[in-house]
Structure formats: structure tokens, C-alpha cells
Amino acid sequence: MDGQPEDLMSVIDSLKKDIQEEKLKRERGMNIMAINAMDVSEVFSPPRVTEMANKMGLIGGHSMDLATGWDFSKYHDRKKALELLRRDEPMLIIGSPPCTTFSIIQALNLHKNGPEWKEAFEIRKAAAIKHIRFCTQLYRMQIAAGRYFLHEHPHGATSWDLDFVKKIENMCGVFKV
């Protein structure tokens, strides 16, 4: 991508073009190991994008979410997901970790509710941070392999201020849209 895309559809169109170009390279034998590679996999998401990818002629991969039997609060599930994604090499990983604890409205509740609520909130937020950290591990894997990722969080979410998210955001070739 030469410049910052103006909207999500242009990002999707650009990624689809890149994925199709990569498929042509595979067909030409430049990456024999990746012939069965997936085009897109989702993390913290039920099958949405992968189903649409299949309808668009792409290869939809894994959709890893509580709804599909994955619990990333468990080490075993994180390890298994990492192994699957390393093995299957999806061209694009979409990460949609929980964002509710990072919303501006939730921050208002900290001042409105009592100390018990705040304590429970801090526990939920720590778990959410762990999930985002896992996603950034997957994103680093994608970047190192010359593949793509999409981190889906609302623009105003405070998760964008986490140091390890900022490090990913500031890497060469990463765009925030």
C-alpha cells in the first residue's frame, strides 16, 4: 500500500489484490510449501470473514473463538492456535480481541460504581490485555513472514495506548485505519 487508505473497503480491496497476487506466485512454484495455505483466518471471531472469503473465491481458514471451542485464556488453546497458524500460514490474520474494557464509556463507570465493581473491572481488563498481547504475538509472526494482519478495535479504544500495541503500530508497513 503506497498511502494510507481512506476507508475499510479500499483496505479490503488492496488486501484481496495482494492475496490474489500471492496465489499466482504460489501457482508459479515460488512457494511450493504454501500451495495449501489459507488466505484468511480469524482470531477472537466466529466464522464471519472466513465464510465471506470462501464466497469470494479465497481460502477461508480457521475461525478461533469461544463460539467455535477456543478459549484463549487457556495456555493450551493459545499454544495450539499458534502452532496451527504457523503450520497453515494464512496470508491474513484478523484479530478481534475483546475491547469492552477499553471503551471510553467503561472508563466513566470507574468513577460511578463502587470499589467492588472497580476490582472486578481490573480483573477483566487484565484478561483483555493478555488477549491483545497474544494477538500482537500473532501479528509479529505475520510481519516476520511477510504476511498481513488486521487488528480490529474501535478508534477511541484505550487499547491503542498499550505499549506493545504501539510497537506493532509503529512497525514499517503497518497502517492504522
N, C-alpha and C. Protein backbone atom coordinates (compact mmCIF):
# COMPACT_ATOMS: atom_id res chain seq x y z
N MET A 1 0.84 -1.17 0.00
CA MET A 1 0.00 0.00 0.00
C MET A 1 0.89 1.24 0.00
N ASP A 2 0.70 2.11 -0.99
CA ASP A 2 1.54 3.29 -1.11
C ASP A 2 1.17 4.38 -0.12
N GLY A 3 -0.09 4.60 0.12
CA GLY A 3 -0.54 5.65 1.04
C GLY A 3 -1.51 5.08 2.03
N GLN A 4 -2.01 5.92 2.89
CA GLN A 4 -2.98 5.46 3.89
C GLN A 4 -4.35 5.36 3.22
N PRO A 5 -4.97 4.19 3.24
CA PRO A 5 -6.29 4.01 2.60
C PRO A 5 -7.33 4.89 3.28
N GLU A 6 -8.31 5.33 2.49
CA GLU A 6 -9.32 6.23 3.03
C GLU A 6 -10.44 5.50 3.74
N ASP A 7 -10.71 4.27 3.39
CA ASP A 7 -11.79 3.56 4.07
C ASP A 7 -11.50 2.07 4.10
N LEU A 8 -12.29 1.37 4.89
CA LEU A 8 -12.09 -0.06 5.09
C LEU A 8 -12.22 -0.86 3.80
N MET A 9 -13.13 -0.46 2.91
CA MET A 9 -13.31 -1.20 1.66
C MET A 9 -12.05 -1.13 0.80
N SER A 10 -11.37 0.00 0.79
CA SER A 10 -10.15 0.08 0.00
C SER A 10 -9.06 -0.79 0.60
N VAL A 11 -9.04 -0.91 1.95
CA VAL A 11 -8.09 -1.81 2.60
C VAL A 11 -8.38 -3.25 2.19
N ILE A 12 -9.66 -3.62 2.25
CA ILE A 12 -10.05 -4.98 1.88
C ILE A 12 -9.71 -5.26 0.42
N ASP A 13 -10.03 -4.31 -0.47
CA ASP A 13 -9.72 -4.49 -1.89
C ASP A 13 -8.22 -4.65 -2.10
N SER A 14 -7.43 -3.85 -1.41
CA SER A 14 -5.98 -3.91 -1.54
C SER A 14 -5.45 -5.26 -1.03
N LEU A 15 -5.96 -5.70 0.12
CA LEU A 15 -5.53 -7.00 0.65
C LEU A 15 -5.95 -8.14 -0.26
N LYS A 16 -7.15 -8.06 -0.80
CA LYS A 16 -7.61 -9.10 -1.72
C LYS A 16 -6.69 -9.17 -2.94
N LYS A 17 -6.31 -8.00 -3.46
CA LYS A 17 -5.40 -7.95 -4.61
C LYS A 17 -4.05 -8.59 -4.24
N ASP A 18 -3.52 -8.21 -3.07
CA ASP A 18 -2.24 -8.77 -2.62
C ASP A 18 -2.33 -10.29 -2.45
N ILE A 19 -3.44 -10.76 -1.90
CA ILE A 19 -3.63 -12.19 -1.70
C ILE A 19 -3.70 -12.91 -3.04
N GLN A 20 -4.44 -12.33 -3.99
CA GLN A 20 -4.53 -12.95 -5.31
C GLN A 20 -3.16 -12.99 -6.01
N GLU A 21 -2.37 -11.93 -5.84
CA GLU A 21 -1.02 -11.92 -6.41
C GLU A 21 -0.16 -13.01 -5.77
N GLU A 22 -0.31 -13.18 -4.45
CA GLU A 22 0.44 -14.22 -3.76
C GLU A 22 0.02 -15.60 -4.25
N LYS A 23 -1.27 -15.79 -4.51
CA LYS A 23 -1.73 -17.07 -5.04
C LYS A 23 -1.09 -17.36 -6.40
N LEU A 24 -0.96 -16.33 -7.24
CA LEU A 24 -0.31 -16.51 -8.54
C LEU A 24 1.15 -16.93 -8.37
N LYS A 25 1.83 -16.31 -7.40
CA LYS A 25 3.22 -16.68 -7.13
C LYS A 25 3.30 -18.15 -6.71
N ARG A 26 2.37 -18.56 -5.86
CA ARG A 26 2.36 -19.96 -5.42
C ARG A 26 2.17 -20.90 -6.59
N GLU A 27 1.22 -20.53 -7.46
CA GLU A 27 0.95 -21.37 -8.63
C GLU A 27 2.16 -21.48 -9.54
N ARG A 28 2.99 -20.46 -9.56
CA ARG A 28 4.19 -20.47 -10.39
C ARG A 28 5.33 -21.24 -9.73
N GLY A 29 5.07 -21.77 -8.53
CA GLY A 29 6.07 -22.59 -7.88
C GLY A 29 7.05 -21.83 -7.01
N MET A 30 6.81 -20.55 -6.76
CA MET A 30 7.74 -19.78 -5.95
C MET A 30 7.66 -20.16 -4.47
N ASN A 31 6.56 -20.73 -4.07
CA ASN A 31 6.40 -21.13 -2.68
C ASN A 31 5.63 -22.44 -2.63
N ILE A 32 6.27 -23.51 -3.00
CA ILE A 32 5.63 -24.82 -3.11
C ILE A 32 5.00 -25.25 -1.80
N MET A 33 5.63 -24.93 -0.68
CA MET A 33 5.10 -25.33 0.62
C MET A 33 3.75 -24.66 0.93
N ALA A 34 3.47 -23.53 0.30
CA ALA A 34 2.28 -22.76 0.65
C ALA A 34 1.08 -23.05 -0.25
N ILE A 35 1.15 -24.08 -1.08
CA ILE A 35 0.06 -24.36 -2.01
C ILE A 35 -1.26 -24.54 -1.27
N ASN A 36 -1.26 -25.19 -0.12
CA ASN A 36 -2.48 -25.41 0.62
C ASN A 36 -2.71 -24.34 1.69
N ALA A 37 -1.95 -23.26 1.64
CA ALA A 37 -2.06 -22.21 2.65
C ALA A 37 -3.43 -21.54 2.58
N MET A 38 -3.83 -21.02 3.69
CA MET A 38 -5.11 -20.32 3.79
C MET A 38 -4.90 -18.85 3.46
N ASP A 39 -5.95 -18.24 2.96
CA ASP A 39 -5.87 -16.82 2.67
C ASP A 39 -6.16 -16.00 3.92
N VAL A 40 -7.13 -16.40 4.72
CA VAL A 40 -7.51 -15.60 5.88
C VAL A 40 -7.98 -16.49 7.02
N SER A 41 -7.54 -16.14 8.23
CA SER A 41 -8.00 -16.78 9.45
C SER A 41 -8.40 -15.70 10.45
N GLU A 42 -9.34 -16.04 11.33
CA GLU A 42 -9.83 -15.09 12.32
C GLU A 42 -9.48 -15.58 13.72
N VAL A 43 -9.12 -14.65 14.58
CA VAL A 43 -8.82 -14.95 15.98
C VAL A 43 -9.72 -14.06 16.83
N PHE A 44 -10.36 -14.64 17.81
CA PHE A 44 -11.38 -13.96 18.61
C PHE A 44 -12.55 -13.57 17.73
N SER A 45 -12.96 -14.48 16.87
CA SER A 45 -14.08 -14.19 15.98
C SER A 45 -14.71 -15.50 15.52
N PRO A 46 -16.04 -15.56 15.57
CA PRO A 46 -16.71 -16.70 14.95
C PRO A 46 -16.57 -16.59 13.44
N PRO A 47 -16.93 -17.63 12.69
CA PRO A 47 -16.77 -17.58 11.23
C PRO A 47 -17.62 -16.46 10.63
N ARG A 48 -16.97 -15.39 10.24
CA ARG A 48 -17.64 -14.30 9.54
C ARG A 48 -16.84 -14.00 8.27
N VAL A 49 -15.62 -13.54 8.47
CA VAL A 49 -14.77 -13.18 7.34
C VAL A 49 -14.36 -14.43 6.57
N THR A 50 -14.07 -15.51 7.26
CA THR A 50 -13.66 -16.73 6.56
C THR A 50 -14.78 -17.26 5.67
N GLU A 51 -16.02 -17.15 6.13
CA GLU A 51 -17.14 -17.58 5.29
C GLU A 51 -17.27 -16.69 4.06
N MET A 52 -17.12 -15.39 4.26
CA MET A 52 -17.19 -14.45 3.14
C MET A 52 -16.02 -14.68 2.18
N ALA A 53 -14.84 -14.98 2.73
CA ALA A 53 -13.67 -15.24 1.88
C ALA A 53 -13.95 -16.41 0.94
N ASN A 54 -14.54 -17.47 1.49
CA ASN A 54 -14.86 -18.63 0.66
C ASN A 54 -15.82 -18.25 -0.46
N LYS A 55 -16.77 -17.39 -0.17
CA LYS A 55 -17.74 -16.95 -1.20
C LYS A 55 -17.07 -16.09 -2.25
N MET A 56 -15.94 -15.44 -1.88
CA MET A 56 -15.25 -14.56 -2.81
C MET A 56 -14.13 -15.27 -3.58
N GLY A 57 -14.04 -16.58 -3.44
CA GLY A 57 -13.02 -17.33 -4.17
C GLY A 57 -11.69 -17.43 -3.45
N LEU A 58 -11.63 -16.99 -2.19
CA LEU A 58 -10.42 -17.12 -1.39
C LEU A 58 -10.54 -18.36 -0.53
N ILE A 59 -9.48 -18.71 0.15
CA ILE A 59 -9.50 -19.88 1.03
C ILE A 59 -9.64 -19.40 2.47
N GLY A 60 -10.83 -19.59 3.03
CA GLY A 60 -11.08 -19.24 4.42
C GLY A 60 -10.46 -20.29 5.32
N GLY A 61 -9.79 -19.83 6.34
CA GLY A 61 -9.11 -20.74 7.25
C GLY A 61 -9.85 -20.90 8.57
N HIS A 62 -9.11 -20.81 9.64
CA HIS A 62 -9.65 -21.03 10.97
C HIS A 62 -10.42 -19.81 11.45
N SER A 63 -11.47 -20.06 12.21
CA SER A 63 -12.20 -19.02 12.95
C SER A 63 -12.15 -19.45 14.40
N MET A 64 -11.26 -18.83 15.13
CA MET A 64 -11.00 -19.25 16.51
C MET A 64 -11.65 -18.29 17.49
N ASP A 65 -12.62 -18.82 18.23
CA ASP A 65 -13.41 -18.00 19.13
C ASP A 65 -14.03 -18.92 20.18
N LEU A 66 -14.54 -18.32 21.26
CA LEU A 66 -15.27 -19.13 22.25
C LEU A 66 -16.40 -19.89 21.59
N ALA A 67 -17.05 -19.25 20.60
CA ALA A 67 -18.18 -19.87 19.90
C ALA A 67 -17.77 -21.10 19.09
N THR A 68 -16.48 -21.21 18.75
CA THR A 68 -16.01 -22.36 17.98
C THR A 68 -15.11 -23.28 18.81
N GLY A 69 -15.16 -23.09 20.14
CA GLY A 69 -14.44 -24.01 21.03
C GLY A 69 -13.06 -23.55 21.48
N TRP A 70 -12.67 -22.34 21.16
CA TRP A 70 -11.36 -21.83 21.54
C TRP A 70 -11.49 -20.90 22.74
N ASP A 71 -10.66 -21.10 23.75
CA ASP A 71 -10.65 -20.24 24.93
C ASP A 71 -9.22 -19.77 25.14
N PHE A 72 -8.91 -18.56 24.69
CA PHE A 72 -7.55 -18.06 24.73
C PHE A 72 -7.10 -17.61 26.11
N SER A 73 -7.96 -17.78 27.10
CA SER A 73 -7.48 -17.59 28.47
C SER A 73 -6.71 -18.82 28.92
N LYS A 74 -6.80 -19.90 28.14
CA LYS A 74 -6.08 -21.14 28.44
C LYS A 74 -4.80 -21.24 27.60
N TYR A 75 -3.72 -21.51 28.28
CA TYR A 75 -2.41 -21.63 27.61
C TYR A 75 -2.47 -22.65 26.48
N HIS A 76 -3.09 -23.80 26.72
CA HIS A 76 -3.14 -24.86 25.71
C HIS A 76 -3.79 -24.36 24.42
N ASP A 77 -4.87 -23.60 24.52
CA ASP A 77 -5.54 -23.11 23.32
C ASP A 77 -4.69 -22.07 22.59
N ARG A 78 -4.00 -21.21 23.33
CA ARG A 78 -3.11 -20.24 22.69
C ARG A 78 -1.98 -20.96 21.96
N LYS A 79 -1.39 -21.96 22.61
CA LYS A 79 -0.29 -22.71 22.02
C LYS A 79 -0.76 -23.45 20.76
N LYS A 80 -1.92 -24.09 20.84
CA LYS A 80 -2.45 -24.83 19.70
C LYS A 80 -2.75 -23.89 18.52
N ALA A 81 -3.32 -22.72 18.83
CA ALA A 81 -3.61 -21.75 17.78
C ALA A 81 -2.33 -21.28 17.11
N LEU A 82 -1.33 -20.99 17.90
CA LEU A 82 -0.04 -20.55 17.37
C LEU A 82 0.55 -21.62 16.46
N GLU A 83 0.49 -22.87 16.88
CA GLU A 83 1.00 -23.97 16.06
C GLU A 83 0.23 -24.10 14.75
N LEU A 84 -1.10 -24.00 14.81
CA LEU A 84 -1.92 -24.11 13.60
C LEU A 84 -1.62 -22.98 12.62
N LEU A 85 -1.51 -21.78 13.14
CA LEU A 85 -1.28 -20.63 12.27
C LEU A 85 0.14 -20.64 11.70
N ARG A 86 1.09 -21.14 12.47
CA ARG A 86 2.46 -21.31 11.92
C ARG A 86 2.46 -22.34 10.80
N ARG A 87 1.73 -23.43 11.02
CA ARG A 87 1.68 -24.51 10.03
C ARG A 87 0.94 -24.08 8.77
N ASP A 88 -0.21 -23.42 8.94
CA ASP A 88 -1.09 -23.14 7.80
C ASP A 88 -0.76 -21.83 7.08
N GLU A 89 0.01 -20.96 7.72
CA GLU A 89 0.48 -19.73 7.10
C GLU A 89 -0.61 -18.93 6.39
N PRO A 90 -1.66 -18.51 7.09
CA PRO A 90 -2.67 -17.68 6.41
C PRO A 90 -2.05 -16.37 5.95
N MET A 91 -2.43 -15.92 4.78
CA MET A 91 -1.90 -14.67 4.26
C MET A 91 -2.34 -13.50 5.13
N LEU A 92 -3.54 -13.60 5.71
CA LEU A 92 -4.09 -12.53 6.55
C LEU A 92 -4.67 -13.14 7.82
N ILE A 93 -4.30 -12.58 8.96
CA ILE A 93 -4.92 -12.93 10.24
C ILE A 93 -5.69 -11.71 10.70
N ILE A 94 -6.95 -11.92 11.03
CA ILE A 94 -7.76 -10.84 11.59
C ILE A 94 -7.92 -11.11 13.08
N GLY A 95 -7.46 -10.18 13.89
CA GLY A 95 -7.59 -10.30 15.34
C GLY A 95 -8.66 -9.36 15.84
N SER A 96 -9.63 -9.91 16.55
CA SER A 96 -10.72 -9.11 17.13
C SER A 96 -10.85 -9.40 18.62
N PRO A 97 -9.78 -9.15 19.39
CA PRO A 97 -9.86 -9.45 20.82
C PRO A 97 -10.89 -8.55 21.51
N PRO A 98 -11.41 -9.01 22.64
CA PRO A 98 -12.43 -8.22 23.35
C PRO A 98 -11.95 -6.79 23.62
N CYS A 99 -12.86 -5.85 23.40
CA CYS A 99 -12.46 -4.44 23.55
C CYS A 99 -13.31 -3.68 24.56
N THR A 100 -14.29 -4.32 25.16
CA THR A 100 -15.21 -3.59 26.03
C THR A 100 -14.52 -2.92 27.21
N THR A 101 -13.50 -3.55 27.78
CA THR A 101 -12.83 -2.93 28.92
C THR A 101 -12.00 -1.73 28.53
N PHE A 102 -11.83 -1.51 27.24
CA PHE A 102 -11.04 -0.38 26.76
C PHE A 102 -11.90 0.76 26.21
N SER A 103 -13.21 0.64 26.36
CA SER A 103 -14.08 1.69 25.83
C SER A 103 -14.08 2.90 26.77
N ILE A 104 -14.30 4.05 26.19
CA ILE A 104 -14.34 5.28 26.97
C ILE A 104 -15.52 5.24 27.95
N ILE A 105 -16.62 4.66 27.55
CA ILE A 105 -17.79 4.57 28.43
C ILE A 105 -17.48 3.73 29.66
N GLN A 106 -16.73 2.63 29.49
CA GLN A 106 -16.35 1.82 30.64
C GLN A 106 -15.50 2.62 31.62
N ALA A 107 -14.66 3.49 31.10
CA ALA A 107 -13.82 4.32 31.97
C ALA A 107 -14.68 5.23 32.84
N LEU A 108 -15.80 5.68 32.31
CA LEU A 108 -16.71 6.51 33.11
C LEU A 108 -17.29 5.73 34.28
N ASN A 109 -17.52 4.44 34.08
CA ASN A 109 -18.06 3.60 35.15
C ASN A 109 -17.11 3.47 36.33
N LEU A 110 -15.83 3.61 36.08
CA LEU A 110 -14.85 3.51 37.17
C LEU A 110 -15.14 4.53 38.27
N HIS A 111 -15.61 5.69 37.88
CA HIS A 111 -15.87 6.75 38.84
C HIS A 111 -17.29 6.67 39.40
N LYS A 112 -18.16 6.01 38.68
CA LYS A 112 -19.58 5.95 39.05
C LYS A 112 -19.87 4.81 40.03
N ASN A 113 -19.23 3.67 39.84
CA ASN A 113 -19.52 2.47 40.63
C ASN A 113 -18.55 2.32 41.80
N GLY A 114 -18.88 1.42 42.68
CA GLY A 114 -18.08 1.24 43.90
C GLY A 114 -16.79 0.48 43.69
N PRO A 115 -16.03 0.29 44.77
CA PRO A 115 -14.72 -0.38 44.69
C PRO A 115 -14.81 -1.84 44.27
N GLU A 116 -15.92 -2.53 44.58
CA GLU A 116 -16.06 -3.93 44.15
C GLU A 116 -16.14 -4.02 42.64
N TRP A 117 -16.88 -3.07 42.05
CA TRP A 117 -17.01 -3.06 40.60
C TRP A 117 -15.65 -2.78 39.97
N LYS A 118 -14.93 -1.82 40.54
CA LYS A 118 -13.61 -1.46 40.01
C LYS A 118 -12.66 -2.66 40.09
N GLU A 119 -12.70 -3.40 41.18
CA GLU A 119 -11.83 -4.58 41.33
C GLU A 119 -12.16 -5.63 40.28
N ALA A 120 -13.44 -5.90 40.07
CA ALA A 120 -13.86 -6.87 39.04
C ALA A 120 -13.46 -6.38 37.65
N PHE A 121 -13.60 -5.08 37.42
CA PHE A 121 -13.23 -4.48 36.14
C PHE A 121 -11.74 -4.67 35.87
N GLU A 122 -10.91 -4.46 36.88
CA GLU A 122 -9.46 -4.60 36.72
C GLU A 122 -9.08 -6.04 36.37
N ILE A 123 -9.80 -7.01 36.92
CA ILE A 123 -9.55 -8.42 36.59
C ILE A 123 -9.91 -8.68 35.13
N ARG A 124 -11.07 -8.16 34.69
CA ARG A 124 -11.48 -8.32 33.29
C ARG A 124 -10.49 -7.63 32.34
N LYS A 125 -10.02 -6.45 32.75
CA LYS A 125 -9.09 -5.71 31.91
C LYS A 125 -7.75 -6.44 31.78
N ALA A 126 -7.27 -7.03 32.88
CA ALA A 126 -6.02 -7.80 32.82
C ALA A 126 -6.15 -8.96 31.84
N ALA A 127 -7.31 -9.63 31.85
CA ALA A 127 -7.54 -10.73 30.92
C ALA A 127 -7.57 -10.21 29.48
N ALA A 128 -8.21 -9.06 29.28
CA ALA A 128 -8.28 -8.48 27.93
C ALA A 128 -6.89 -8.08 27.43
N ILE A 129 -6.07 -7.56 28.31
CA ILE A 129 -4.70 -7.20 27.93
C ILE A 129 -3.93 -8.45 27.50
N LYS A 130 -4.13 -9.53 28.21
CA LYS A 130 -3.47 -10.80 27.87
C LYS A 130 -3.90 -11.25 26.47
N HIS A 131 -5.19 -11.08 26.15
CA HIS A 131 -5.69 -11.47 24.83
C HIS A 131 -5.08 -10.60 23.72
N ILE A 132 -4.98 -9.31 23.98
CA ILE A 132 -4.40 -8.42 22.98
C ILE A 132 -2.91 -8.73 22.80
N ARG A 133 -2.24 -9.03 23.89
CA ARG A 133 -0.82 -9.39 23.80
C ARG A 133 -0.65 -10.64 22.93
N PHE A 134 -1.54 -11.62 23.09
CA PHE A 134 -1.50 -12.83 22.27
C PHE A 134 -1.68 -12.46 20.80
N CYS A 135 -2.63 -11.59 20.51
CA CYS A 135 -2.83 -11.17 19.11
C CYS A 135 -1.58 -10.51 18.55
N THR A 136 -0.94 -9.66 19.35
CA THR A 136 0.26 -8.99 18.83
C THR A 136 1.38 -9.99 18.57
N GLN A 137 1.40 -11.07 19.33
CA GLN A 137 2.37 -12.14 19.05
C GLN A 137 2.09 -12.73 17.67
N LEU A 138 0.82 -12.95 17.37
CA LEU A 138 0.45 -13.47 16.05
C LEU A 138 0.79 -12.46 14.95
N TYR A 139 0.57 -11.19 15.22
CA TYR A 139 0.87 -10.15 14.23
C TYR A 139 2.37 -10.10 13.94
N ARG A 140 3.18 -10.21 14.98
CA ARG A 140 4.63 -10.22 14.78
C ARG A 140 5.06 -11.41 13.91
N MET A 141 4.42 -12.54 14.15
CA MET A 141 4.70 -13.73 13.34
C MET A 141 4.36 -13.44 11.88
N GLN A 142 3.23 -12.79 11.64
CA GLN A 142 2.81 -12.47 10.28
C GLN A 142 3.81 -11.51 9.62
N ILE A 143 4.18 -10.47 10.35
CA ILE A 143 5.12 -9.48 9.81
C ILE A 143 6.45 -10.13 9.46
N ALA A 144 6.95 -10.97 10.35
CA ALA A 144 8.24 -11.64 10.12
C ALA A 144 8.20 -12.52 8.88
N ALA A 145 7.03 -13.06 8.57
CA ALA A 145 6.89 -13.95 7.41
C ALA A 145 6.47 -13.19 6.15
N GLY A 146 6.33 -11.87 6.25
CA GLY A 146 5.93 -11.09 5.08
C GLY A 146 4.46 -11.21 4.76
N ARG A 147 3.66 -11.56 5.77
CA ARG A 147 2.22 -11.69 5.57
C ARG A 147 1.51 -10.54 6.29
N TYR A 148 0.20 -10.58 6.29
CA TYR A 148 -0.60 -9.46 6.76
C TYR A 148 -1.40 -9.78 8.02
N PHE A 149 -1.81 -8.70 8.69
CA PHE A 149 -2.74 -8.82 9.81
C PHE A 149 -3.66 -7.62 9.82
N LEU A 150 -4.78 -7.79 10.45
CA LEU A 150 -5.71 -6.70 10.67
C LEU A 150 -6.14 -6.77 12.13
N HIS A 151 -5.88 -5.71 12.88
CA HIS A 151 -6.27 -5.66 14.30
C HIS A 151 -7.53 -4.82 14.37
N GLU A 152 -8.61 -5.44 14.79
CA GLU A 152 -9.91 -4.78 14.79
C GLU A 152 -10.26 -4.35 16.20
N HIS A 153 -10.16 -3.05 16.43
CA HIS A 153 -10.58 -2.41 17.68
C HIS A 153 -11.10 -1.02 17.33
N PRO A 154 -12.08 -0.52 18.08
CA PRO A 154 -12.62 0.81 17.78
C PRO A 154 -11.55 1.91 17.89
N HIS A 155 -11.72 2.95 17.13
CA HIS A 155 -10.76 4.04 17.08
C HIS A 155 -10.49 4.65 18.46
N GLY A 156 -11.51 4.86 19.25
CA GLY A 156 -11.33 5.50 20.55
C GLY A 156 -10.94 4.58 21.69
N ALA A 157 -10.75 3.31 21.41
CA ALA A 157 -10.42 2.35 22.47
C ALA A 157 -9.05 2.66 23.07
N THR A 158 -8.95 2.58 24.39
CA THR A 158 -7.68 2.88 25.06
C THR A 158 -6.64 1.78 24.83
N SER A 159 -7.05 0.67 24.27
CA SER A 159 -6.10 -0.41 23.96
C SER A 159 -5.02 0.05 22.98
N TRP A 160 -5.33 1.04 22.16
CA TRP A 160 -4.34 1.56 21.22
C TRP A 160 -3.17 2.21 21.95
N ASP A 161 -3.35 2.54 23.24
CA ASP A 161 -2.29 3.17 24.02
C ASP A 161 -1.37 2.17 24.71
N LEU A 162 -1.69 0.89 24.64
CA LEU A 162 -0.82 -0.12 25.26
C LEU A 162 0.53 -0.11 24.55
N ASP A 163 1.61 -0.19 25.31
CA ASP A 163 2.95 -0.08 24.72
C ASP A 163 3.20 -1.12 23.64
N PHE A 164 2.77 -2.36 23.86
CA PHE A 164 3.05 -3.40 22.86
C PHE A 164 2.17 -3.25 21.62
N VAL A 165 1.03 -2.60 21.72
CA VAL A 165 0.21 -2.29 20.54
C VAL A 165 0.87 -1.15 19.76
N LYS A 166 1.35 -0.14 20.47
CA LYS A 166 2.04 0.98 19.81
C LYS A 166 3.28 0.49 19.06
N LYS A 167 4.01 -0.48 19.64
CA LYS A 167 5.20 -1.01 18.96
C LYS A 167 4.83 -1.66 17.63
N ILE A 168 3.73 -2.41 17.61
CA ILE A 168 3.27 -3.02 16.37
C ILE A 168 2.85 -1.92 15.40
N GLU A 169 2.07 -0.97 15.91
CA GLU A 169 1.55 0.11 15.08
C GLU A 169 2.67 0.92 14.43
N ASN A 170 3.80 1.05 15.10
CA ASN A 170 4.92 1.85 14.59
C ASN A 170 5.88 1.06 13.71
N MET A 171 5.61 -0.20 13.46
CA MET A 171 6.48 -1.00 12.60
C MET A 171 6.31 -0.60 11.14
N CYS A 172 7.37 -0.74 10.41
CA CYS A 172 7.37 -0.42 8.99
C CYS A 172 6.31 -1.26 8.26
N GLY A 173 5.50 -0.61 7.47
CA GLY A 173 4.49 -1.31 6.69
C GLY A 173 3.17 -1.49 7.40
N VAL A 174 3.05 -1.03 8.63
CA VAL A 174 1.80 -1.16 9.38
C VAL A 174 1.05 0.16 9.30
N PHE A 175 -0.22 0.08 8.97
CA PHE A 175 -1.07 1.26 8.85
C PHE A 175 -2.23 1.17 9.82
N LYS A 176 -2.57 2.28 10.40
CA LYS A 176 -3.75 2.35 11.27
C LYS A 176 -4.83 3.08 10.49
N VAL A 177 -5.96 2.41 10.34
CA VAL A 177 -7.06 2.97 9.54
C VAL A 177 -8.27 3.13 10.44
